[in-house]
N, C-alpha and C. Protein backbone atom coordinates (compact mmCIF):
# COMPACT_ATOMS: atom_id res chain seq x y z
N MET A 1 15.22 3.48 -6.16
CA MET A 1 14.97 4.88 -5.07
C MET A 1 15.22 4.60 -3.88
N ALA A 2 16.24 5.65 -3.52
CA ALA A 2 16.51 5.19 -2.23
C ALA A 2 16.24 6.88 -1.29
N LEU A 3 16.00 6.35 -0.01
CA LEU A 3 16.19 7.47 0.95
C LEU A 3 16.55 7.49 2.31
N ALA A 4 17.84 7.94 2.40
CA ALA A 4 18.67 7.82 3.34
C ALA A 4 18.36 6.42 4.36
N GLY A 5 19.19 5.41 3.48
CA GLY A 5 19.46 4.23 4.06
C GLY A 5 18.45 3.40 3.74
N VAL A 6 17.78 3.40 2.67
CA VAL A 6 16.26 2.97 2.60
C VAL A 6 16.51 2.68 1.01
N THR A 7 16.03 1.46 0.75
CA THR A 7 16.05 1.24 -0.75
C THR A 7 14.55 0.64 -1.26
N ILE A 8 14.19 1.43 -2.21
CA ILE A 8 12.93 0.93 -2.77
C ILE A 8 13.09 0.38 -3.90
N ARG A 9 12.19 -0.38 -3.88
CA ARG A 9 12.40 -1.26 -5.50
C ARG A 9 10.75 -2.09 -5.23
N ARG A 10 10.93 -2.92 -6.87
CA ARG A 10 9.77 -3.65 -7.09
C ARG A 10 9.96 -4.68 -6.45
N ALA A 11 8.41 -5.53 -5.66
CA ALA A 11 8.93 -6.62 -5.15
C ALA A 11 9.02 -7.96 -6.11
N THR A 12 9.47 -9.00 -5.28
CA THR A 12 9.53 -10.28 -6.24
C THR A 12 8.65 -10.93 -5.14
N GLU A 13 8.77 -12.59 -5.73
CA GLU A 13 7.76 -13.59 -4.73
C GLU A 13 8.94 -13.72 -3.77
N GLU A 14 10.17 -13.80 -3.83
CA GLU A 14 10.84 -13.85 -2.81
C GLU A 14 10.79 -13.09 -1.42
N ASP A 15 10.38 -11.94 -1.53
CA ASP A 15 10.04 -10.78 -0.71
C ASP A 15 8.57 -11.02 -0.01
N ALA A 16 7.90 -12.30 -0.46
CA ALA A 16 6.79 -12.20 0.28
C ALA A 16 6.48 -12.51 1.62
N ALA A 17 7.46 -13.15 2.53
CA ALA A 17 7.06 -13.51 3.63
C ALA A 17 7.63 -12.21 4.45
N ALA A 18 8.47 -11.41 3.88
CA ALA A 18 9.13 -10.35 4.40
C ALA A 18 8.01 -9.15 4.49
N ILE A 19 7.01 -9.23 3.47
CA ILE A 19 5.93 -8.43 3.30
C ILE A 19 5.21 -8.44 4.33
N ALA A 20 4.71 -10.11 4.58
CA ALA A 20 3.78 -10.09 5.91
C ALA A 20 3.87 -9.70 7.38
N LEU A 21 5.24 -9.86 7.38
CA LEU A 21 5.90 -9.55 8.68
C LEU A 21 5.41 -7.95 8.42
N ALA A 22 5.74 -7.20 7.83
CA ALA A 22 5.73 -5.79 7.68
C ALA A 22 4.53 -5.30 7.99
N HIS A 23 3.37 -6.25 7.20
CA HIS A 23 2.24 -5.85 7.11
C HIS A 23 1.41 -6.02 8.58
N ILE A 24 1.83 -7.13 9.25
CA ILE A 24 1.00 -7.54 10.88
C ILE A 24 2.16 -6.75 11.53
N ASP A 25 2.95 -5.76 11.41
CA ASP A 25 3.81 -5.07 12.43
C ASP A 25 3.06 -3.60 12.01
N SER A 26 2.74 -3.04 10.70
CA SER A 26 1.65 -1.94 10.53
C SER A 26 0.69 -1.84 11.53
N ILE A 27 -0.11 -3.18 11.00
CA ILE A 27 -1.76 -3.35 11.54
C ILE A 27 -1.64 -3.52 13.41
N ARG A 28 -0.58 -4.34 13.87
CA ARG A 28 -0.54 -4.43 14.99
C ARG A 28 0.41 -2.98 15.86
N SER A 29 0.95 -2.23 15.17
CA SER A 29 1.20 -0.73 15.83
C SER A 29 0.64 0.49 15.79
N LEU A 30 0.16 0.67 14.21
CA LEU A 30 -0.50 1.53 14.00
C LEU A 30 -1.95 1.31 14.11
N GLY A 31 -2.60 0.11 13.37
CA GLY A 31 -3.97 -0.03 13.24
C GLY A 31 -4.38 -0.04 14.42
N ALA A 32 -3.45 -0.43 15.77
CA ALA A 32 -4.11 -1.10 17.15
C ALA A 32 -4.41 0.32 17.96
N ARG A 33 -4.09 1.91 17.36
CA ARG A 33 -4.28 2.98 17.82
C ARG A 33 -5.60 3.50 17.50
N PHE A 34 -6.54 2.55 16.56
CA PHE A 34 -7.44 3.18 15.96
C PHE A 34 -8.75 2.29 15.79
N TYR A 35 -7.89 0.94 16.37
CA TYR A 35 -9.40 -0.15 16.43
C TYR A 35 -9.11 -1.21 17.79
N PRO A 36 -9.93 -1.51 18.19
CA PRO A 36 -9.90 -2.61 19.31
C PRO A 36 -8.91 -3.91 19.05
N PRO A 37 -8.42 -4.40 19.84
CA PRO A 37 -7.67 -5.77 19.85
C PRO A 37 -8.76 -6.94 18.83
N ASP A 38 -9.75 -7.16 19.14
CA ASP A 38 -10.40 -8.47 18.29
C ASP A 38 -10.19 -7.91 16.94
N VAL A 39 -10.41 -6.37 16.61
CA VAL A 39 -10.16 -6.07 15.31
C VAL A 39 -9.08 -6.31 14.63
N VAL A 40 -7.98 -5.43 15.58
CA VAL A 40 -6.72 -6.32 14.94
C VAL A 40 -6.04 -7.25 14.47
N GLU A 41 -6.64 -8.39 15.64
CA GLU A 41 -6.14 -9.71 15.28
C GLU A 41 -7.36 -10.26 14.52
N ALA A 42 -8.07 -10.28 14.18
CA ALA A 42 -8.90 -10.31 13.09
C ALA A 42 -8.23 -9.73 11.43
N TRP A 43 -7.77 -8.57 11.66
CA TRP A 43 -7.21 -7.73 10.51
C TRP A 43 -6.02 -8.38 10.17
N SER A 44 -5.37 -8.91 11.14
CA SER A 44 -3.77 -9.65 10.95
C SER A 44 -4.00 -11.05 10.20
N GLU A 45 -5.10 -11.77 10.63
CA GLU A 45 -5.49 -13.02 10.63
C GLU A 45 -5.14 -13.35 9.14
N GLY A 46 -4.38 -14.62 8.59
CA GLY A 46 -4.38 -15.25 7.20
C GLY A 46 -3.56 -14.22 6.32
N LEU A 47 -2.71 -13.40 7.21
CA LEU A 47 -1.61 -12.67 6.50
C LEU A 47 -0.24 -13.69 6.25
N THR A 48 -0.19 -14.47 5.25
CA THR A 48 0.98 -15.61 5.07
C THR A 48 1.84 -15.67 3.68
N ALA A 49 2.90 -15.45 3.80
CA ALA A 49 3.65 -15.16 2.42
C ALA A 49 2.93 -15.69 1.02
N SER A 50 2.06 -16.69 1.23
CA SER A 50 1.30 -17.57 -0.12
C SER A 50 0.32 -16.59 -0.37
N LEU A 51 -0.18 -15.46 0.57
CA LEU A 51 -1.24 -14.69 -0.20
C LEU A 51 -0.66 -13.30 -0.89
N TYR A 52 0.20 -12.96 -0.46
CA TYR A 52 1.13 -12.04 -1.45
C TYR A 52 2.08 -12.66 -2.88
N ARG A 53 2.62 -13.75 -2.78
CA ARG A 53 2.65 -14.65 -3.78
C ARG A 53 1.81 -14.55 -4.93
N ASP A 54 0.93 -15.10 -4.52
CA ASP A 54 -0.53 -15.44 -4.76
C ASP A 54 -1.31 -13.82 -5.55
N ALA A 55 -1.03 -12.83 -5.12
CA ALA A 55 -1.30 -11.84 -5.44
C ALA A 55 -0.17 -11.31 -6.79
N MET A 56 0.67 -11.24 -6.37
CA MET A 56 1.78 -11.05 -7.44
C MET A 56 1.61 -11.79 -9.07
N ARG A 57 1.20 -13.04 -8.63
CA ARG A 57 1.30 -14.06 -9.79
C ARG A 57 -0.38 -13.39 -10.55
N GLY A 58 -1.18 -13.05 -9.91
CA GLY A 58 -2.36 -12.55 -10.45
C GLY A 58 -2.29 -11.21 -11.22
N GLY A 59 -1.26 -10.72 -10.88
CA GLY A 59 -1.00 -9.41 -11.60
C GLY A 59 -0.65 -7.96 -10.76
N GLU A 60 -1.13 -8.20 -9.35
CA GLU A 60 -1.03 -7.05 -8.69
C GLU A 60 0.57 -7.00 -8.62
N ALA A 61 0.95 -5.49 -8.28
CA ALA A 61 2.27 -5.06 -8.42
C ALA A 61 2.49 -4.42 -6.72
N PHE A 62 3.94 -5.22 -6.45
CA PHE A 62 3.98 -4.68 -4.75
C PHE A 62 5.43 -3.75 -5.00
N PHE A 63 5.63 -3.07 -4.06
CA PHE A 63 6.68 -2.43 -4.12
C PHE A 63 6.97 -2.09 -2.99
N ILE A 64 8.55 -2.38 -2.29
CA ILE A 64 8.75 -2.58 -0.83
C ILE A 64 9.63 -1.46 -0.54
N ALA A 65 9.94 -1.36 0.62
CA ALA A 65 10.87 -0.20 1.12
C ALA A 65 11.79 -1.18 1.84
N ILE A 66 13.14 -1.27 1.67
CA ILE A 66 14.20 -2.12 2.29
C ILE A 66 15.48 -1.60 3.40
N GLY A 67 15.06 -1.32 4.64
CA GLY A 67 16.23 -0.76 5.56
C GLY A 67 16.58 -1.76 6.67
N GLN A 68 17.27 -0.72 7.68
CA GLN A 68 17.74 -1.37 9.05
C GLN A 68 16.84 -1.46 10.05
N LEU A 69 16.55 -2.39 10.88
CA LEU A 69 15.76 -1.95 12.35
C LEU A 69 16.71 -2.98 13.07
N GLU A 70 17.32 -2.25 14.19
CA GLU A 70 18.10 -3.36 15.13
C GLU A 70 18.87 -4.28 14.55
N GLY A 71 20.03 -3.40 13.33
CA GLY A 71 20.92 -4.58 12.97
C GLY A 71 20.53 -4.92 11.67
N GLN A 72 18.84 -5.34 11.26
CA GLN A 72 18.67 -6.24 10.67
C GLN A 72 18.03 -5.54 9.77
N TRP A 73 18.42 -5.93 8.00
CA TRP A 73 17.67 -5.70 7.15
C TRP A 73 16.21 -6.68 6.98
N VAL A 74 15.32 -5.21 6.91
CA VAL A 74 14.19 -6.12 6.71
C VAL A 74 12.93 -5.27 5.93
N VAL A 75 12.08 -5.76 5.58
CA VAL A 75 10.92 -4.69 4.48
C VAL A 75 10.30 -3.87 5.56
N LEU A 76 10.69 -2.52 5.15
CA LEU A 76 9.96 -1.63 6.53
C LEU A 76 8.60 -1.16 6.11
N GLY A 77 8.20 -1.38 4.63
CA GLY A 77 6.89 -0.99 4.22
C GLY A 77 6.90 -1.44 3.06
N PHE A 78 5.37 -1.17 2.22
CA PHE A 78 5.07 -2.04 0.83
C PHE A 78 3.85 -1.22 0.55
N ALA A 79 3.76 -1.05 -0.41
CA ALA A 79 2.71 -0.20 -1.23
C ALA A 79 2.01 -1.29 -2.78
N THR A 80 0.90 -1.05 -2.93
CA THR A 80 0.65 -2.26 -4.28
C THR A 80 -0.52 -1.69 -5.26
N HIS A 81 -0.40 -1.52 -6.43
CA HIS A 81 -1.67 -1.27 -7.25
C HIS A 81 -2.19 -3.01 -7.94
N ARG A 82 -3.25 -2.74 -8.01
CA ARG A 82 -4.33 -3.83 -8.29
C ARG A 82 -5.41 -3.26 -9.27
N VAL A 83 -6.01 -4.39 -10.34
CA VAL A 83 -7.26 -3.53 -10.70
C VAL A 83 -8.39 -4.70 -10.20
N ASP A 84 -9.46 -4.24 -9.39
CA ASP A 84 -10.59 -5.09 -9.05
C ASP A 84 -11.78 -4.46 -9.54
N ASP A 85 -12.43 -5.28 -10.08
CA ASP A 85 -13.80 -5.04 -10.98
C ASP A 85 -13.63 -3.66 -11.37
N ALA A 86 -12.67 -3.89 -12.34
CA ALA A 86 -12.57 -2.69 -13.34
C ALA A 86 -12.04 -1.90 -12.67
N GLN A 87 -11.71 -1.22 -11.65
CA GLN A 87 -11.28 0.00 -10.79
C GLN A 87 -9.86 -0.76 -10.24
N ASP A 88 -9.25 0.59 -10.56
CA ASP A 88 -7.08 0.56 -10.15
C ASP A 88 -7.75 0.74 -8.31
N GLY A 89 -7.05 -0.11 -7.73
CA GLY A 89 -6.72 0.24 -6.22
C GLY A 89 -5.35 0.14 -5.69
N ALA A 90 -4.94 0.81 -4.71
CA ALA A 90 -4.00 0.84 -4.10
C ALA A 90 -3.96 0.48 -2.38
N SER A 91 -2.84 0.20 -2.00
CA SER A 91 -2.92 0.46 -0.61
C SER A 91 -1.17 0.66 -0.24
N VAL A 92 -0.70 1.12 0.88
CA VAL A 92 0.37 1.42 1.75
C VAL A 92 0.20 1.01 2.96
N TYR A 93 1.41 -0.17 3.67
CA TYR A 93 1.45 -0.40 5.08
C TYR A 93 3.21 0.22 5.21
N VAL A 94 3.41 0.74 6.23
CA VAL A 94 4.70 0.76 6.95
C VAL A 94 4.43 -0.20 8.42
N ARG A 95 5.77 0.28 8.57
CA ARG A 95 6.13 -0.22 10.07
C ARG A 95 5.98 0.67 10.88
N GLY A 96 5.46 0.34 12.00
CA GLY A 96 4.78 1.63 12.71
C GLY A 96 6.51 2.21 13.50
N ARG A 97 7.16 1.68 13.67
CA ARG A 97 8.44 2.66 13.87
C ARG A 97 9.33 3.49 12.70
N VAL A 98 8.79 2.66 11.66
CA VAL A 98 9.36 4.05 10.67
C VAL A 98 8.20 5.16 10.03
N ALA A 99 6.79 5.09 10.88
CA ALA A 99 5.94 5.78 10.15
C ALA A 99 6.32 7.57 10.23
N ARG A 100 5.72 8.13 9.30
CA ARG A 100 6.04 9.67 9.13
C ARG A 100 7.53 9.92 9.17
N GLN A 101 7.90 8.87 8.16
CA GLN A 101 9.19 9.75 7.34
C GLN A 101 9.69 9.32 5.88
N GLY A 102 8.15 9.38 5.46
CA GLY A 102 8.25 9.50 3.83
C GLY A 102 8.25 8.56 3.14
N ILE A 103 8.38 7.37 4.44
CA ILE A 103 8.55 5.82 3.45
C ILE A 103 6.95 5.49 2.55
N GLY A 104 6.20 5.93 3.17
CA GLY A 104 4.84 5.50 2.77
C GLY A 104 4.58 6.37 1.52
N THR A 105 4.79 7.58 1.79
CA THR A 105 4.46 8.53 0.48
C THR A 105 5.41 8.01 -0.41
N ALA A 106 6.63 7.63 -0.29
CA ALA A 106 7.36 7.37 -1.52
C ALA A 106 7.11 5.99 -2.33
N LEU A 107 6.41 4.90 -1.39
CA LEU A 107 6.33 3.97 -1.82
C LEU A 107 4.86 4.23 -2.64
N LEU A 108 4.04 4.69 -1.91
CA LEU A 108 2.60 5.44 -3.20
C LEU A 108 3.20 5.97 -3.98
N ARG A 109 3.92 6.79 -4.39
CA ARG A 109 4.47 7.57 -5.86
C ARG A 109 4.51 6.17 -6.56
N LEU A 110 5.16 5.14 -6.29
CA LEU A 110 5.57 4.43 -7.26
C LEU A 110 3.91 3.01 -7.62
N ALA A 111 3.60 3.24 -6.93
CA ALA A 111 2.09 2.75 -6.87
C ALA A 111 1.53 3.63 -7.82
N GLU A 112 1.44 4.54 -7.43
CA GLU A 112 0.91 5.62 -8.81
C GLU A 112 1.38 5.80 -9.77
N GLU A 113 2.59 5.83 -10.17
CA GLU A 113 3.12 5.55 -11.45
C GLU A 113 2.83 4.36 -12.16
N HIS A 114 2.94 3.26 -11.03
CA HIS A 114 2.58 1.95 -12.13
C HIS A 114 1.36 2.08 -12.77
N ALA A 115 0.45 2.65 -11.84
CA ALA A 115 -1.29 2.69 -12.15
C ALA A 115 -1.35 3.28 -13.35
N ARG A 116 -0.43 4.46 -13.66
CA ARG A 116 -0.54 5.54 -14.76
C ARG A 116 -0.02 4.90 -15.67
N ALA A 117 1.27 4.01 -15.79
CA ALA A 117 1.45 3.45 -16.75
C ALA A 117 0.47 2.43 -17.46
N HIS A 118 -0.49 1.98 -16.56
CA HIS A 118 -1.46 0.93 -16.87
C HIS A 118 -2.78 1.64 -17.38
N ASN A 119 -2.58 2.81 -17.75
CA ASN A 119 -4.12 3.60 -17.91
C ASN A 119 -4.80 3.90 -17.17
N ALA A 120 -4.42 4.02 -15.74
CA ALA A 120 -5.34 4.39 -14.85
C ALA A 120 -5.52 5.57 -14.53
N THR A 121 -6.84 6.43 -14.42
CA THR A 121 -7.20 7.34 -14.22
C THR A 121 -7.55 7.86 -12.80
N SER A 122 -7.89 6.93 -12.08
CA SER A 122 -7.78 7.17 -10.62
C SER A 122 -7.51 6.12 -9.46
N LEU A 123 -7.32 6.38 -8.39
CA LEU A 123 -7.23 5.10 -7.47
C LEU A 123 -8.33 5.07 -6.65
N GLN A 124 -9.09 4.02 -6.07
CA GLN A 124 -9.94 3.87 -4.93
C GLN A 124 -9.36 2.96 -3.96
N ILE A 125 -9.37 3.58 -2.73
CA ILE A 125 -8.75 2.93 -1.64
C ILE A 125 -10.20 2.84 -0.69
N GLN A 126 -10.34 1.59 0.28
CA GLN A 126 -10.38 1.44 1.49
C GLN A 126 -9.73 1.51 2.62
N ALA A 127 -9.44 2.81 3.13
CA ALA A 127 -8.48 3.30 3.82
C ALA A 127 -9.06 2.64 5.48
N SER A 128 -8.15 2.02 6.27
CA SER A 128 -8.25 2.12 7.57
C SER A 128 -8.15 3.29 8.19
N LEU A 129 -8.87 3.19 9.15
CA LEU A 129 -9.07 4.59 10.19
C LEU A 129 -7.32 5.09 10.55
N ALA A 130 -6.32 3.99 10.34
CA ALA A 130 -5.29 4.74 10.59
C ALA A 130 -4.69 5.17 9.57
N GLY A 131 -5.14 5.01 8.19
CA GLY A 131 -4.57 5.34 6.99
C GLY A 131 -5.02 6.62 6.40
N VAL A 132 -6.51 7.19 6.81
CA VAL A 132 -7.09 8.18 6.39
C VAL A 132 -6.02 9.56 6.32
N GLU A 133 -5.70 9.76 7.35
CA GLU A 133 -4.86 11.45 7.49
C GLU A 133 -3.84 11.17 6.21
N PHE A 134 -2.87 10.25 6.21
CA PHE A 134 -2.03 9.76 5.55
C PHE A 134 -2.42 9.90 3.79
N TYR A 135 -3.31 8.96 3.59
CA TYR A 135 -3.88 9.09 2.39
C TYR A 135 -4.76 10.71 1.73
N LYS A 136 -5.10 11.37 2.61
CA LYS A 136 -5.54 12.42 2.18
C LYS A 136 -4.58 13.66 2.41
N ALA A 137 -3.39 13.42 2.72
CA ALA A 137 -2.20 14.30 2.79
C ALA A 137 -1.58 13.92 1.09
N ASN A 138 -2.07 12.90 0.67
CA ASN A 138 -1.37 12.59 -0.51
C ASN A 138 -2.12 12.56 -1.66
N GLY A 139 -3.22 13.52 -1.46
CA GLY A 139 -4.31 14.07 -2.46
C GLY A 139 -5.44 12.91 -2.82
N PHE A 140 -5.62 12.09 -2.27
CA PHE A 140 -7.00 11.26 -1.92
C PHE A 140 -8.24 11.87 -1.25
N GLU A 141 -9.23 11.69 -1.89
CA GLU A 141 -10.37 12.88 -0.97
C GLU A 141 -11.32 11.71 -0.26
N GLU A 142 -12.02 11.66 0.46
CA GLU A 142 -12.83 10.92 1.55
C GLU A 142 -14.20 11.00 0.33
N LEU A 143 -14.68 9.92 0.41
CA LEU A 143 -15.99 9.54 -0.55
C LEU A 143 -17.02 9.69 0.86
N GLU A 144 -16.58 8.27 1.41
CA GLU A 144 -18.19 7.91 2.55
C GLU A 144 -17.37 6.65 2.91
N PRO A 145 -17.90 6.77 4.32
CA PRO A 145 -17.51 5.55 5.73
C PRO A 145 -17.89 4.47 4.61
N GLY A 146 -17.21 3.13 5.23
CA GLY A 146 -17.27 2.04 4.41
C GLY A 146 -16.75 0.83 5.74
N ALA A 147 -17.05 -0.35 5.38
CA ALA A 147 -16.59 -1.38 6.03
C ALA A 147 -15.86 -2.06 5.26
N ALA A 148 -14.79 -2.75 5.31
CA ALA A 148 -13.69 -3.52 4.74
C ALA A 148 -13.75 -5.07 5.35
N VAL A 149 -14.16 -5.71 4.45
CA VAL A 149 -14.22 -7.30 4.70
C VAL A 149 -12.85 -7.98 4.74
N LEU A 150 -13.07 -8.28 5.99
CA LEU A 150 -11.28 -8.72 6.04
C LEU A 150 -10.90 -10.62 5.90
N MET A 151 -10.07 -10.81 5.83
CA MET A 151 -9.49 -12.09 5.44
C MET A 151 -10.34 -13.46 6.13
N SER A 152 -10.42 -12.58 7.60
CA SER A 152 -11.50 -14.00 8.47
C SER A 152 -13.00 -13.52 8.52
N GLY A 153 -13.53 -12.96 7.57
CA GLY A 153 -14.82 -12.97 7.16
C GLY A 153 -15.00 -11.68 8.26
N LYS A 154 -14.78 -11.28 9.32
CA LYS A 154 -14.86 -10.29 9.98
C LYS A 154 -14.80 -8.78 9.30
N SER A 155 -15.76 -7.60 9.41
CA SER A 155 -15.42 -6.49 8.84
C SER A 155 -15.16 -5.50 9.96
N MET A 156 -14.54 -4.50 9.32
CA MET A 156 -13.96 -3.21 10.24
C MET A 156 -14.20 -1.97 9.41
N PRO A 157 -14.53 -0.85 10.08
CA PRO A 157 -14.96 0.31 9.86
C PRO A 157 -13.43 1.15 8.84
N CYS A 158 -14.00 1.92 7.53
CA CYS A 158 -12.88 2.29 7.07
C CYS A 158 -13.55 3.15 6.17
N VAL A 159 -12.60 3.87 5.23
CA VAL A 159 -13.47 5.37 4.49
C VAL A 159 -13.33 4.99 3.39
N LEU A 160 -14.02 4.96 2.26
CA LEU A 160 -13.59 4.53 0.82
C LEU A 160 -13.21 6.15 0.46
N MET A 161 -11.89 6.15 -0.39
CA MET A 161 -11.18 7.28 -0.71
C MET A 161 -11.23 7.00 -1.96
N ARG A 162 -10.96 8.52 -2.86
CA ARG A 162 -10.35 8.31 -4.34
C ARG A 162 -9.11 9.11 -4.42
N LYS A 163 -8.40 8.93 -5.77
CA LYS A 163 -7.69 10.34 -6.01
C LYS A 163 -7.64 10.13 -7.30
N GLN A 164 -7.94 11.20 -8.42
CA GLN A 164 -7.30 11.36 -9.49
C GLN A 164 -6.02 11.49 -10.11
N LEU A 165 -5.65 10.60 -10.67
CA LEU A 165 -4.17 10.65 -10.86
C LEU A 165 -4.31 11.44 -12.51
N SER A 166 -3.31 12.25 -12.04
CA SER A 166 -2.86 13.34 -13.25
C SER A 166 -2.43 12.46 -14.47
N ARG A 167 -2.23 13.24 -15.53
CA ARG A 167 -1.40 12.13 -16.65
C ARG A 167 0.00 12.64 -16.81
N PRO A 168 1.05 11.74 -17.00
CA PRO A 168 2.36 12.26 -17.19
C PRO A 168 2.38 13.42 -18.54
N ALA A 169 3.67 14.03 -18.29
CA ALA A 169 3.60 15.01 -19.53
C ALA A 169 4.18 14.06 -20.63
N PRO A 170 3.43 14.54 -21.96
CA PRO A 170 3.63 13.71 -23.28
C PRO A 170 5.47 13.94 -23.39
N SER A 171 5.63 13.00 -24.06
CA SER A 171 7.28 13.04 -24.61
C SER A 171 7.63 14.12 -25.29
N LEU A 172 8.66 14.47 -25.67
CA LEU A 172 8.96 15.63 -26.95
C LEU A 172 8.31 15.02 -28.34
N SER A 173 8.18 14.06 -28.65
CA SER A 173 7.73 13.48 -29.81
C SER A 173 6.23 13.60 -29.53
N GLY A 174 5.61 13.74 -28.51
CA GLY A 174 4.11 13.51 -28.30
C GLY A 174 3.39 12.50 -28.52
N THR A 175 4.27 11.43 -28.72
CA THR A 175 3.67 10.00 -29.22
C THR A 175 3.22 8.64 -28.34
N ARG A 176 4.13 9.42 -27.10
CA ARG A 176 3.77 8.50 -25.83
C ARG A 176 3.93 9.10 -24.57
N TRP A 177 3.47 8.27 -23.64
CA TRP A 177 3.32 8.87 -22.09
C TRP A 177 4.91 8.51 -21.67
N GLU A 178 5.25 9.23 -20.85
CA GLU A 178 6.61 8.86 -20.42
C GLU A 178 6.14 8.43 -18.60
N THR A 179 7.01 7.29 -18.64
CA THR A 179 6.24 6.31 -17.08
C THR A 179 7.16 6.61 -16.33
């Protein structure tokens, strides 16, 4: 998939370090608008390539958007689909400089497609305060305020959200779902 100079694809373990850089950029640029510096620092703590490699090895699907910033090819953002405690979850992060350009929505669509292909009927998220409006614009409903526990052990305010996934249209034969 491509958006005006942006390539979107399934991530591999080789992309893990670049995903970490995009994640940290998103937290420090977009998250900093909603959280104090100590929360931003705690949220960024421990985001290393091994975290994403281990998640991929554990079955979490990652999708990345690649494009140029300042003449360098970088991961502009990523989305994930995973199953936690028998609930399908997702997340999306984009670098601050490319926010509101459709990249996050395109990435979310791939995570949703992956979830549907694995028989998910809904997605649950702990949306950061920075992401609430994005998720609402993409069909998620607010359930209740929450607190996300960070890798540092600290917590930060979030909003628990859910999106019901519609099933894909059946194929002409009616024997399988198109994904």
